[in-house]
Amino acid sequence: MSRALSNLGLAMRAGKVVTGEESVLKAVRSAEAKLVLLAGDASDNTQKKFRDKCGTYNIPLVIEFNRDLLGASIGKDGRVVLAVTDKGFAEMISKQLGDNVGGGMID
């Protein structure tokens, strides 16, 4: 498992991760989300929805891994989308993912 996924698990245990499509959309709209991670095997419609929403609200978006890896990293069954709500965790995970982060800036 990559360091980014390990740190995602740490963020989850710290209560700084939101999961589920509606919860993540709400976090994006309220600017609570600092980083959104979307599974690469998410449907085209779901990918478009989060690309558009994160672009509109200037939230960094990572489309990587698959739903099983994302879920395993936070100790849950397969998860398609996660939002990190802590700036520190978001910056750390973004640095570890490098060029795979698209969308806005973490502020």
Protein backbone atom coordinates (compact mmCIF):
# COMPACT_ATOMS: atom_id res chain seq x y z
CA MET A 1 0.00 0.00 0.00
CA SER A 2 1.35 3.43 -0.88
CA ARG A 3 2.27 6.02 1.74
CA ALA A 4 -0.60 8.21 0.52
CA LEU A 5 -3.10 5.43 1.27
CA SER A 6 -1.52 4.81 4.68
CA ASN A 7 -1.85 8.50 5.50
CA LEU A 8 -5.44 8.42 4.27
CA GLY A 9 -6.06 5.75 6.92
CA LEU A 10 -4.47 8.01 9.53
CA ALA A 11 -6.72 10.88 8.44
CA MET A 12 -9.75 8.58 8.73
CA ARG A 13 -8.82 7.58 12.26
CA ALA A 14 -8.41 11.28 13.09
CA GLY A 15 -11.95 11.92 11.83
CA LYS A 16 -10.79 14.03 8.90
CA VAL A 17 -12.25 11.96 6.04
CA VAL A 18 -15.76 12.11 4.59
CA THR A 19 -17.03 9.21 2.47
CA GLY A 20 -20.03 8.72 0.22
CA GLU A 21 -21.10 10.68 -2.82
CA GLU A 22 -23.61 13.01 -1.17
CA SER A 23 -21.43 13.69 1.88
CA VAL A 24 -18.42 14.49 -0.30
CA LEU A 25 -20.49 16.78 -2.57
CA LYS A 26 -21.73 18.63 0.52
CA ALA A 27 -18.14 18.98 1.79
CA VAL A 28 -17.03 20.32 -1.60
CA ARG A 29 -19.88 22.84 -1.77
CA SER A 30 -19.16 24.10 1.76
CA ALA A 31 -15.38 24.26 1.07
CA GLU A 32 -14.86 21.84 3.95
CA ALA A 33 -13.14 19.40 1.55
CA LYS A 34 -9.44 20.14 1.03
CA LEU A 35 -8.76 17.16 -1.27
CA VAL A 36 -11.08 14.73 -3.06
CA LEU A 37 -9.98 11.22 -4.03
CA LEU A 38 -12.02 9.42 -6.65
CA ALA A 39 -11.59 5.78 -7.66
CA GLY A 40 -10.31 5.25 -11.19
CA ASP A 41 -13.00 2.61 -11.68
CA ALA A 42 -15.84 5.03 -10.87
CA SER A 43 -18.44 5.44 -13.61
CA ASP A 44 -17.91 8.08 -16.29
CA ASN A 45 -20.87 10.07 -14.95
CA THR A 46 -19.47 10.05 -11.43
CA GLN A 47 -16.02 11.10 -12.68
CA LYS A 48 -17.54 13.95 -14.70
CA LYS A 49 -19.66 15.09 -11.74
CA PHE A 50 -16.68 15.33 -9.40
CA ARG A 51 -14.35 16.83 -12.03
CA ASP A 52 -16.90 19.56 -12.68
CA LYS A 53 -17.78 20.16 -9.02
CA CYS A 54 -14.16 20.20 -7.80
CA GLY A 55 -13.19 22.47 -10.70
CA THR A 56 -16.00 24.89 -9.89
CA TYR A 57 -15.11 25.06 -6.20
CA ASN A 58 -11.33 24.92 -6.80
CA ILE A 59 -10.84 21.72 -4.78
CA PRO A 60 -7.92 19.43 -5.76
CA LEU A 61 -9.11 16.12 -7.23
CA VAL A 62 -7.18 12.86 -7.50
CA ILE A 63 -8.49 10.10 -9.75
CA GLU A 64 -6.37 7.12 -8.85
CA PHE A 65 -6.45 3.72 -7.21
CA ASN A 66 -9.63 1.64 -7.32
CA ARG A 67 -12.62 1.40 -5.03
CA ASP A 68 -11.21 -1.60 -3.17
CA LEU A 69 -7.88 0.12 -2.41
CA LEU A 70 -9.59 3.33 -1.30
CA GLY A 71 -11.94 1.37 0.95
CA ALA A 72 -9.16 -0.79 2.39
CA SER A 73 -7.06 2.27 3.19
CA ILE A 74 -9.76 3.60 5.53
CA GLY A 75 -10.91 0.23 6.86
CA LYS A 76 -14.24 0.13 5.00
CA ASP A 77 -15.61 -1.85 2.08
CA GLY A 78 -15.08 -0.42 -1.40
CA ARG A 79 -15.38 3.38 -1.54
CA VAL A 80 -15.69 5.33 -4.77
CA VAL A 81 -15.11 8.83 -3.42
CA LEU A 82 -13.48 10.31 -0.31
CA ALA A 83 -12.81 13.86 0.84
CA VAL A 84 -10.02 14.87 3.19
CA THR A 85 -11.20 17.78 5.36
CA ASP A 86 -7.91 18.65 7.06
CA LYS A 87 -5.44 20.93 5.27
CA GLY A 88 -2.36 19.23 6.74
CA PHE A 89 -3.43 15.73 5.74
CA ALA A 90 -4.52 16.99 2.31
CA GLU A 91 -1.15 18.62 1.65
CA MET A 92 0.76 15.55 2.83
CA ILE A 93 -1.27 13.17 0.65
CA SER A 94 -1.04 15.53 -2.35
CA LYS A 95 2.76 15.67 -2.08
CA GLN A 96 2.94 11.89 -1.93
CA LEU A 97 0.77 11.56 -5.04
CA GLY A 98 2.77 14.21 -6.91
CA ASP A 99 1.61 14.89 -10.47
CA ASN A 100 -1.62 12.94 -10.07
CA VAL A 101 -3.35 15.84 -8.28
CA GLY A 102 -5.56 17.95 -10.50
CA GLY A 103 -8.03 20.73 -9.90
CA GLY A 104 -7.56 23.53 -7.40
CA MET A 105 -5.03 24.52 -4.81
CA ILE A 106 -5.09 23.47 -1.18
CA ASP A 107 -5.72 26.53 0.95
